[in-house]
Amino acid sequence: MRFEIEAGYAQGQFALDLSVRGEARALALVGPSGSGKTTLIEAIAGLRRIDRGRIALDGRVFDDRAAGVWQ
């Protein structure tokens, strides 16, 4: 699976800024409490809209703020 994740999200004092692209069968998210793991999973699942960026899997765009896409 090919993935492209560029996500910017802010709420209060919390800010998430991530950019990762690659091809893999699995992807692991690790980090300390409060680093944005759940926020990112919610954005990938379509439960949370990112403020800026793009989320695409195998060429299918799920969230692209600039293009006005959110599926």
PDB file of N, CA and C in Angstrom:
ATOM      1  N   MET A   1       0.837  -1.166   0.000  1.00  0.00           N
ATOM      2  CA  MET A   1       0.000   0.000   0.000  1.00  0.00           C
ATOM      3  C   MET A   1       0.889   1.238   0.000  1.00  0.00           C
ATOM      4  N   ARG A   2       0.587   2.164  -0.858  1.00  0.00           N
ATOM      5  CA  ARG A   2       1.316   3.429  -0.933  1.00  0.00           C
ATOM      6  C   ARG A   2       0.518   4.466  -0.161  1.00  0.00           C
ATOM      7  N   PHE A   3       1.204   5.226   0.676  1.00  0.00           N
ATOM      8  CA  PHE A   3       0.513   6.227   1.470  1.00  0.00           C
ATOM      9  C   PHE A   3       1.231   7.574   1.389  1.00  0.00           C
ATOM     10  N   GLU A   4       0.436   8.612   1.524  1.00  0.00           N
ATOM     11  CA  GLU A   4       0.932   9.989   1.528  1.00  0.00           C
ATOM     12  C   GLU A   4       0.144  10.732   2.593  1.00  0.00           C
ATOM     13  N   ILE A   5       0.835  11.140   3.631  1.00  0.00           N
ATOM     14  CA  ILE A   5       0.175  11.836   4.725  1.00  0.00           C
ATOM     15  C   ILE A   5       0.942  13.124   5.013  1.00  0.00           C
ATOM     16  N   GLU A   6       0.276  14.223   4.792  1.00  0.00           N
ATOM     17  CA  GLU A   6       0.779  15.539   5.178  1.00  0.00           C
ATOM     18  C   GLU A   6      -0.347  16.170   5.971  1.00  0.00           C
ATOM     19  N   ALA A   7      -0.140  16.331   7.256  1.00  0.00           N
ATOM     20  CA  ALA A   7      -1.228  16.790   8.102  1.00  0.00           C
ATOM     21  C   ALA A   7      -0.784  17.907   9.021  1.00  0.00           C
ATOM     22  N   GLY A   8      -1.564  18.947   9.046  1.00  0.00           N
ATOM     23  CA  GLY A   8      -1.392  20.038   9.981  1.00  0.00           C
ATOM     24  C   GLY A   8      -2.702  20.230  10.714  1.00  0.00           C
ATOM     25  N   TYR A   9      -2.642  20.250  12.033  1.00  0.00           N
ATOM     26  CA  TYR A   9      -3.855  20.390  12.838  1.00  0.00           C
ATOM     27  C   TYR A   9      -3.486  21.100  14.134  1.00  0.00           C
ATOM     28  N   ALA A  10      -4.322  22.013  14.572  1.00  0.00           N
ATOM     29  CA  ALA A  10      -4.080  22.717  15.830  1.00  0.00           C
ATOM     30  C   ALA A  10      -5.394  22.878  16.579  1.00  0.00           C
ATOM     31  N   GLN A  11      -5.289  22.702  17.890  1.00  0.00           N
ATOM     32  CA  GLN A  11      -6.440  22.916  18.765  1.00  0.00           C
ATOM     33  C   GLN A  11      -5.893  23.389  20.112  1.00  0.00           C
ATOM     34  N   GLY A  12      -6.204  24.619  20.459  1.00  0.00           N
ATOM     35  CA  GLY A  12      -5.657  25.188  21.684  1.00  0.00           C
ATOM     36  C   GLY A  12      -4.141  25.270  21.604  1.00  0.00           C
ATOM     37  N   GLN A  13      -3.463  24.714  22.602  1.00  0.00           N
ATOM     38  CA  GLN A  13      -2.001  24.726  22.603  1.00  0.00           C
ATOM     39  C   GLN A  13      -1.406  23.519  21.873  1.00  0.00           C
ATOM     40  N   PHE A  14      -2.231  22.572  21.473  1.00  0.00           N
ATOM     41  CA  PHE A  14      -1.753  21.379  20.772  1.00  0.00           C
ATOM     42  C   PHE A  14      -1.615  21.667  19.281  1.00  0.00           C
ATOM     43  N   ALA A  15      -0.509  21.225  18.684  1.00  0.00           N
ATOM     44  CA  ALA A  15      -0.310  21.367  17.243  1.00  0.00           C
ATOM     45  C   ALA A  15       0.331  20.096  16.694  1.00  0.00           C
ATOM     46  N   LEU A  16      -0.214  19.586  15.602  1.00  0.00           N
ATOM     47  CA  LEU A  16       0.312  18.410  14.918  1.00  0.00           C
ATOM     48  C   LEU A  16       0.812  18.853  13.548  1.00  0.00           C
ATOM     49  N   ASP A  17       2.034  18.496  13.231  1.00  0.00           N
ATOM     50  CA  ASP A  17       2.609  18.807  11.924  1.00  0.00           C
ATOM     51  C   ASP A  17       3.390  17.575  11.479  1.00  0.00           C
ATOM     52  N   LEU A  18       2.898  16.890  10.451  1.00  0.00           N
ATOM     53  CA  LEU A  18       3.479  15.612  10.039  1.00  0.00           C
ATOM     54  C   LEU A  18       3.525  15.527   8.527  1.00  0.00           C
ATOM     55  N   SER A  19       4.596  14.962   8.012  1.00  0.00           N
ATOM     56  CA  SER A  19       4.720  14.700   6.586  1.00  0.00           C
ATOM     57  C   SER A  19       5.457  13.379   6.416  1.00  0.00           C
ATOM     58  N   VAL A  20       4.776  12.399   5.836  1.00  0.00           N
ATOM     59  CA  VAL A  20       5.385  11.083   5.615  1.00  0.00           C
ATOM     60  C   VAL A  20       4.796  10.476   4.343  1.00  0.00           C
ATOM     61  N   ARG A  21       5.652   9.874   3.554  1.00  0.00           N
ATOM     62  CA  ARG A  21       5.226   9.187   2.326  1.00  0.00           C
ATOM     63  C   ARG A  21       5.994   7.883   2.251  1.00  0.00           C
ATOM     64  N   GLY A  22       5.369   6.888   1.687  1.00  0.00           N
ATOM     65  CA  GLY A  22       6.071   5.630   1.542  1.00  0.00           C
ATOM     66  C   GLY A  22       5.179   4.534   1.015  1.00  0.00           C
ATOM     67  N   GLU A  23       5.719   3.346   1.064  1.00  0.00           N
ATOM     68  CA  GLU A  23       4.990   2.174   0.615  1.00  0.00           C
ATOM     69  C   GLU A  23       5.282   1.063   1.616  1.00  0.00           C
ATOM     70  N   ALA A  24       4.235   0.517   2.199  1.00  0.00           N
ATOM     71  CA  ALA A  24       4.399  -0.521   3.213  1.00  0.00           C
ATOM     72  C   ALA A  24       3.085  -1.263   3.397  1.00  0.00           C
ATOM     73  N   ARG A  25       3.182  -2.454   3.933  1.00  0.00           N
ATOM     74  CA  ARG A  25       1.982  -3.233   4.253  1.00  0.00           C
ATOM     75  C   ARG A  25       1.417  -2.840   5.604  1.00  0.00           C
ATOM     76  N   ALA A  26       2.258  -2.262   6.462  1.00  0.00           N
ATOM     77  CA  ALA A  26       1.817  -1.829   7.789  1.00  0.00           C
ATOM     78  C   ALA A  26       2.558  -0.553   8.166  1.00  0.00           C
ATOM     79  N   LEU A  27       1.932   0.241   9.007  1.00  0.00           N
ATOM     80  CA  LEU A  27       2.516   1.475   9.486  1.00  0.00           C
ATOM     81  C   LEU A  27       2.261   1.557  10.983  1.00  0.00           C
ATOM     82  N   ALA A  28       3.286   1.799  11.757  1.00  0.00           N
ATOM     83  CA  ALA A  28       3.152   1.902  13.211  1.00  0.00           C
ATOM     84  C   ALA A  28       3.338   3.353  13.634  1.00  0.00           C
ATOM     85  N   LEU A  29       2.512   3.786  14.562  1.00  0.00           N
ATOM     86  CA  LEU A  29       2.639   5.116  15.142  1.00  0.00           C
ATOM     87  C   LEU A  29       3.096   4.959  16.583  1.00  0.00           C
ATOM     88  N   VAL A  30       4.187   5.574  16.912  1.00  0.00           N
ATOM     89  CA  VAL A  30       4.692   5.523  18.283  1.00  0.00           C
ATOM     90  C   VAL A  30       5.046   6.939  18.723  1.00  0.00           C
ATOM     91  N   GLY A  31       4.915   7.189  19.998  1.00  0.00           N
ATOM     92  CA  GLY A  31       5.262   8.491  20.548  1.00  0.00           C
ATOM     93  C   GLY A  31       4.689   8.631  21.937  1.00  0.00           C
ATOM     94  N   PRO A  32       5.128   9.650  22.637  1.00  0.00           N
ATOM     95  CA  PRO A  32       4.652   9.858  23.999  1.00  0.00           C
ATOM     96  C   PRO A  32       3.184  10.291  24.034  1.00  0.00           C
ATOM     97  N   SER A  33       2.610  10.218  25.198  1.00  0.00           N
ATOM     98  CA  SER A  33       1.240  10.663  25.400  1.00  0.00           C
ATOM     99  C   SER A  33       1.114  12.125  24.995  1.00  0.00           C
ATOM    100  N   GLY A  34       0.064  12.420  24.225  1.00  0.00           N
ATOM    101  CA  GLY A  34      -0.172  13.796  23.798  1.00  0.00           C
ATOM    102  C   GLY A  34       0.564  14.214  22.544  1.00  0.00           C
ATOM    103  N   SER A  35       1.203  13.255  21.849  1.00  0.00           N
ATOM    104  CA  SER A  35       1.974  13.615  20.659  1.00  0.00           C
ATOM    105  C   SER A  35       1.136  13.665  19.381  1.00  0.00           C
ATOM    106  N   GLY A  36      -0.112  13.199  19.420  1.00  0.00           N
ATOM    107  CA  GLY A  36      -0.995  13.301  18.262  1.00  0.00           C
ATOM    108  C   GLY A  36      -1.312  11.994  17.559  1.00  0.00           C
ATOM    109  N   LYS A  37      -0.983  10.857  18.169  1.00  0.00           N
ATOM    110  CA  LYS A  37      -1.236   9.553  17.534  1.00  0.00           C
ATOM    111  C   LYS A  37      -2.724   9.351  17.270  1.00  0.00           C
ATOM    112  N   THR A  38      -3.548   9.574  18.272  1.00  0.00           N
ATOM    113  CA  THR A  38      -4.998   9.395  18.115  1.00  0.00           C
ATOM    114  C   THR A  38      -5.570  10.415  17.139  1.00  0.00           C
ATOM    115  N   THR A  39      -5.113  11.644  17.210  1.00  0.00           N
ATOM    116  CA  THR A  39      -5.571  12.680  16.280  1.00  0.00           C
ATOM    117  C   THR A  39      -5.282  12.280  14.840  1.00  0.00           C
ATOM    118  N   LEU A  40      -4.097  11.743  14.594  1.00  0.00           N
ATOM    119  CA  LEU A  40      -3.736  11.301  13.243  1.00  0.00           C
ATOM    120  C   LEU A  40      -4.602  10.134  12.794  1.00  0.00           C
ATOM    121  N   ILE A  41      -4.811   9.147  13.661  1.00  0.00           N
ATOM    122  CA  ILE A  41      -5.673   8.002  13.312  1.00  0.00           C
ATOM    123  C   ILE A  41      -7.090   8.478  13.001  1.00  0.00           C
ATOM    124  N   GLU A  42      -7.610   9.415  13.793  1.00  0.00           N
ATOM    125  CA  GLU A  42      -8.949   9.957  13.530  1.00  0.00           C
ATOM    126  C   GLU A  42      -8.995  10.680  12.190  1.00  0.00           C
ATOM    127  N   ALA A  43      -7.933  11.383  11.834  1.00  0.00           N
ATOM    128  CA  ALA A  43      -7.883  12.075  10.533  1.00  0.00           C
ATOM    129  C   ALA A  43      -7.839  11.072   9.390  1.00  0.00           C
ATOM    130  N   ILE A  44      -7.038  10.023   9.530  1.00  0.00           N
ATOM    131  CA  ILE A  44      -6.962   8.989   8.493  1.00  0.00           C
ATOM    132  C   ILE A  44      -8.306   8.287   8.335  1.00  0.00           C
ATOM    133  N   ALA A  45      -9.002   8.060   9.452  1.00  0.00           N
ATOM    134  CA  ALA A  45     -10.309   7.383   9.428  1.00  0.00           C
ATOM    135  C   ALA A  45     -11.425   8.296   8.937  1.00  0.00           C
ATOM    136  N   GLY A  46     -11.163   9.591   8.791  1.00  0.00           N
ATOM    137  CA  GLY A  46     -12.195  10.522   8.341  1.00  0.00           C
ATOM    138  C   GLY A  46     -13.054  11.058   9.460  1.00  0.00           C
ATOM    139  N   LEU A  47     -12.650  10.856  10.698  1.00  0.00           N
ATOM    140  CA  LEU A  47     -13.418  11.331  11.842  1.00  0.00           C
ATOM    141  C   LEU A  47     -13.040  12.746  12.260  1.00  0.00           C
ATOM    142  N   ARG A  48     -11.897  13.211  11.782  1.00  0.00           N
ATOM    143  CA  ARG A  48     -11.416  14.552  12.122  1.00  0.00           C
ATOM    144  C   ARG A  48     -10.842  15.187  10.859  1.00  0.00           C
ATOM    145  N   ARG A  49     -11.221  16.410  10.589  1.00  0.00           N
ATOM    146  CA  ARG A  49     -10.723  17.141   9.411  1.00  0.00           C
ATOM    147  C   ARG A  49      -9.432  17.853   9.756  1.00  0.00           C
ATOM    148  N   ILE A  50      -8.403  17.672   8.960  1.00  0.00           N
ATOM    149  CA  ILE A  50      -7.141  18.357   9.185  1.00  0.00           C
ATOM    150  C   ILE A  50      -7.260  19.816   8.744  1.00  0.00           C
ATOM    151  N   ASP A  51      -6.460  20.676   9.357  1.00  0.00           N
ATOM    152  CA  ASP A  51      -6.479  22.102   9.006  1.00  0.00           C
ATOM    153  C   ASP A  51      -5.785  22.369   7.683  1.00  0.00           C
ATOM    154  N   ARG A  52      -4.736  21.606   7.418  1.00  0.00           N
ATOM    155  CA  ARG A  52      -4.032  21.738   6.143  1.00  0.00           C
ATOM    156  C   ARG A  52      -3.382  20.406   5.824  1.00  0.00           C
ATOM    157  N   GLY A  53      -3.138  20.174   4.543  1.00  0.00           N
ATOM    158  CA  GLY A  53      -2.443  18.962   4.137  1.00  0.00           C
ATOM    159  C   GLY A  53      -3.257  18.058   3.243  1.00  0.00           C
ATOM    160  N   ARG A  54      -2.805  16.805   3.200  1.00  0.00           N
ATOM    161  CA  ARG A  54      -3.401  15.836   2.278  1.00  0.00           C
ATOM    162  C   ARG A  54      -3.199  14.434   2.831  1.00  0.00           C
ATOM    163  N   ILE A  55      -4.227  13.608   2.727  1.00  0.00           N
ATOM    164  CA  ILE A  55      -4.141  12.209   3.125  1.00  0.00           C
ATOM    165  C   ILE A  55      -4.621  11.378   1.942  1.00  0.00           C
ATOM    166  N   ALA A  56      -3.726  10.515   1.432  1.00  0.00           N
ATOM    167  CA  ALA A  56      -4.049   9.668   0.280  1.00  0.00           C
ATOM    168  C   ALA A  56      -3.472   8.275   0.499  1.00  0.00           C
ATOM    169  N   LEU A  57      -4.242   7.258   0.129  1.00  0.00           N
ATOM    170  CA  LEU A  57      -3.817   5.865   0.201  1.00  0.00           C
ATOM    171  C   LEU A  57      -4.016   5.227  -1.162  1.00  0.00           C
ATOM    172  N   ASP A  58      -2.950   4.645  -1.699  1.00  0.00           N
ATOM    173  CA  ASP A  58      -2.980   4.020  -3.026  1.00  0.00           C
ATOM    174  C   ASP A  58      -3.559   4.948  -4.093  1.00  0.00           C
ATOM    175  N   GLY A  59      -3.230   6.225  -4.004  1.00  0.00           N
ATOM    176  CA  GLY A  59      -3.668   7.189  -4.996  1.00  0.00           C
ATOM    177  C   GLY A  59      -5.055   7.757  -4.763  1.00  0.00           C
ATOM    178  N   ARG A  60      -5.810   7.203  -3.830  1.00  0.00           N
ATOM    179  CA  ARG A  60      -7.151   7.712  -3.524  1.00  0.00           C
ATOM    180  C   ARG A  60      -7.034   8.784  -2.447  1.00  0.00           C
ATOM    181  N   VAL A  61      -7.495   9.984  -2.761  1.00  0.00           N
ATOM    182  CA  VAL A  61      -7.395  11.113  -1.843  1.00  0.00           C
ATOM    183  C   VAL A  61      -8.604  11.110  -0.917  1.00  0.00           C
ATOM    184  N   PHE A  62      -8.324  11.109   0.388  1.00  0.00           N
ATOM    185  CA  PHE A  62      -9.379  11.121   1.394  1.00  0.00           C
ATOM    186  C   PHE A  62      -9.563  12.506   2.002  1.00  0.00           C
ATOM    187  N   ASP A  63      -8.496  13.264   2.104  1.00  0.00           N
ATOM    188  CA  ASP A  63      -8.580  14.610   2.661  1.00  0.00           C
ATOM    189  C   ASP A  63      -7.524  15.470   1.982  1.00  0.00           C
ATOM    190  N   ASP A  64      -7.966  16.539   1.375  1.00  0.00           N
ATOM    191  CA  ASP A  64      -7.049  17.494   0.745  1.00  0.00           C
ATOM    192  C   ASP A  64      -7.680  18.868   0.899  1.00  0.00           C
ATOM    193  N   ARG A  65      -7.207  19.615   1.879  1.00  0.00           N
ATOM    194  CA  ARG A  65      -7.782  20.919   2.181  1.00  0.00           C
ATOM    195  C   ARG A  65      -7.739  21.863   0.972  1.00  0.00           C
ATOM    196  N   ALA A  66      -6.594  21.920   0.291  1.00  0.00           N
ATOM    197  CA  ALA A  66      -6.423  22.851  -0.825  1.00  0.00           C
ATOM    198  C   ALA A  66      -7.386  22.540  -1.967  1.00  0.00           C
ATOM    199  N   ALA A  67      -7.672  21.262  -2.206  1.00  0.00           N
ATOM    200  CA  ALA A  67      -8.561  20.862  -3.294  1.00  0.00           C
ATOM    201  C   ALA A  67     -10.027  20.781  -2.862  1.00  0.00           C
ATOM    202  N   GLY A  68     -10.291  20.928  -1.569  1.00  0.00           N
ATOM    203  CA  GLY A  68     -11.666  20.862  -1.070  1.00  0.00           C
ATOM    204  C   GLY A  68     -12.222  19.454  -1.002  1.00  0.00           C
ATOM    205  N   VAL A  69     -11.366  18.459  -0.843  1.00  0.00           N
ATOM    206  CA  VAL A  69     -11.790  17.054  -0.803  1.00  0.00           C
ATOM    207  C   VAL A  69     -11.801  16.567   0.639  1.00  0.00           C
ATOM    208  N   TRP A  70     -12.894  15.916   1.029  1.00  0.00           N
ATOM    209  CA  TRP A  70     -12.968  15.249   2.337  1.00  0.00           C
ATOM    210  C   TRP A  70     -13.962  14.109   2.217  1.00  0.00           C
ATOM    211  N   GLN A  71     -13.440  12.885   2.278  1.00  0.00           N
ATOM    212  CA  GLN A  71     -14.293  11.696   2.108  1.00  0.00           C
ATOM    213  C   GLN A  71     -14.262  10.846   3.331  1.00  0.00           C
TER     214      GLN A  71
END
